[in-house]
Amino acid sequence: MDLSIVIRLEEKIDQLLARKKDLEERCRQLIAENAVLLQEKEHVGLELDRILAKLEGLDQEVS
């Protein structure tokens, strides 16, 4: 077997392993970012519910 083929294959494997590591790190970052965004979404939803409740209270006072 030609040694250059083995060397090229090893280089490609190293590249794939490095890419896999990068993708796993990016995945962890996205999971963390998603968790933050979900918390913000929940907070905004609660704030909107609070504001809507105030508006409904005002509407009942006027009626």
C-alpha atoms as a PDB file:
ATOM      1  CA  MET A   1       0.000   0.000   0.000  1.00  0.00           C
ATOM      2  CA  ASP A   2       1.216   3.476  -0.858  1.00  0.00           C
ATOM      3  CA  LEU A   3       2.267   5.308   2.309  1.00  0.00           C
ATOM      4  CA  SER A   4       1.077   8.664   0.940  1.00  0.00           C
ATOM      5  CA  ILE A   5      -2.503   7.350   0.863  1.00  0.00           C
ATOM      6  CA  VAL A   6      -2.276   6.365   4.512  1.00  0.00           C
ATOM      7  CA  ILE A   7      -0.856   9.774   5.412  1.00  0.00           C
ATOM      8  CA  ARG A   8      -3.635  11.579   3.491  1.00  0.00           C
ATOM      9  CA  LEU A   9      -6.242   9.423   5.187  1.00  0.00           C
ATOM     10  CA  GLU A  10      -4.791  10.206   8.600  1.00  0.00           C
ATOM     11  CA  GLU A  11      -4.828  13.939   7.806  1.00  0.00           C
ATOM     12  CA  LYS A  12      -8.472  13.739   6.719  1.00  0.00           C
ATOM     13  CA  ILE A  13      -9.368  11.869   9.900  1.00  0.00           C
ATOM     14  CA  ASP A  14      -7.608  14.534  11.967  1.00  0.00           C
ATOM     15  CA  GLN A  15      -9.561  17.226  10.108  1.00  0.00           C
ATOM     16  CA  LEU A  16     -12.832  15.403  10.747  1.00  0.00           C
ATOM     17  CA  LEU A  17     -12.051  15.013  14.440  1.00  0.00           C
ATOM     18  CA  ALA A  18     -11.215  18.716  14.729  1.00  0.00           C
ATOM     19  CA  ARG A  19     -14.436  19.635  12.912  1.00  0.00           C
ATOM     20  CA  LYS A  20     -16.431  17.336  15.200  1.00  0.00           C
ATOM     21  CA  LYS A  21     -14.884  19.002  18.251  1.00  0.00           C
ATOM     22  CA  ASP A  22     -15.735  22.465  16.871  1.00  0.00           C
ATOM     23  CA  LEU A  23     -19.314  21.419  16.124  1.00  0.00           C
ATOM     24  CA  GLU A  24     -19.763  19.947  19.593  1.00  0.00           C
ATOM     25  CA  GLU A  25     -18.537  23.191  21.160  1.00  0.00           C
ATOM     26  CA  ARG A  26     -20.866  25.237  18.959  1.00  0.00           C
ATOM     27  CA  CYS A  27     -23.730  22.934  19.903  1.00  0.00           C
ATOM     28  CA  ARG A  28     -23.023  23.528  23.603  1.00  0.00           C
ATOM     29  CA  GLN A  29     -22.989  27.292  22.977  1.00  0.00           C
ATOM     30  CA  LEU A  30     -26.296  27.147  21.125  1.00  0.00           C
ATOM     31  CA  ILE A  31     -27.902  25.071  23.868  1.00  0.00           C
ATOM     32  CA  ALA A  32     -26.816  27.641  26.462  1.00  0.00           C
ATOM     33  CA  GLU A  33     -28.011  30.520  24.274  1.00  0.00           C
ATOM     34  CA  ASN A  34     -31.334  28.778  23.740  1.00  0.00           C
ATOM     35  CA  ALA A  35     -31.797  28.384  27.503  1.00  0.00           C
ATOM     36  CA  VAL A  36     -31.239  32.116  28.004  1.00  0.00           C
ATOM     37  CA  LEU A  37     -33.679  32.978  25.228  1.00  0.00           C
ATOM     38  CA  LEU A  38     -36.327  30.666  26.689  1.00  0.00           C
ATOM     39  CA  GLN A  39     -35.962  32.387  30.066  1.00  0.00           C
ATOM     40  CA  GLU A  40     -36.305  35.793  28.410  1.00  0.00           C
ATOM     41  CA  LYS A  41     -39.377  34.603  26.510  1.00  0.00           C
ATOM     42  CA  GLU A  42     -40.975  33.384  29.728  1.00  0.00           C
ATOM     43  CA  HIS A  43     -40.187  36.689  31.459  1.00  0.00           C
ATOM     44  CA  VAL A  44     -41.678  38.719  28.598  1.00  0.00           C
ATOM     45  CA  GLY A  45     -44.782  36.525  28.623  1.00  0.00           C
ATOM     46  CA  LEU A  46     -45.259  37.111  32.346  1.00  0.00           C
ATOM     47  CA  GLU A  47     -44.800  40.848  31.904  1.00  0.00           C
ATOM     48  CA  LEU A  48     -47.352  40.914  29.077  1.00  0.00           C
ATOM     49  CA  ASP A  49     -49.827  38.961  31.195  1.00  0.00           C
ATOM     50  CA  ARG A  50     -49.313  41.469  34.007  1.00  0.00           C
ATOM     51  CA  ILE A  51     -49.889  44.429  31.679  1.00  0.00           C
ATOM     52  CA  LEU A  52     -52.978  42.815  30.140  1.00  0.00           C
ATOM     53  CA  ALA A  53     -54.399  42.177  33.602  1.00  0.00           C
ATOM     54  CA  LYS A  54     -53.950  45.872  34.443  1.00  0.00           C
ATOM     55  CA  LEU A  55     -55.663  46.887  31.199  1.00  0.00           C
ATOM     56  CA  GLU A  56     -58.570  44.533  31.907  1.00  0.00           C
ATOM     57  CA  GLY A  57     -58.858  46.044  35.378  1.00  0.00           C
ATOM     58  CA  LEU A  58     -59.030  49.533  33.892  1.00  0.00           C
ATOM     59  CA  ASP A  59     -61.641  48.410  31.380  1.00  0.00           C
ATOM     60  CA  GLN A  60     -63.837  47.022  34.177  1.00  0.00           C
ATOM     61  CA  GLU A  61     -63.515  50.272  36.164  1.00  0.00           C
ATOM     62  CA  VAL A  62     -64.632  52.337  33.155  1.00  0.00           C
ATOM     63  CA  SER A  63     -67.609  50.095  32.335  1.00  0.00           C
END
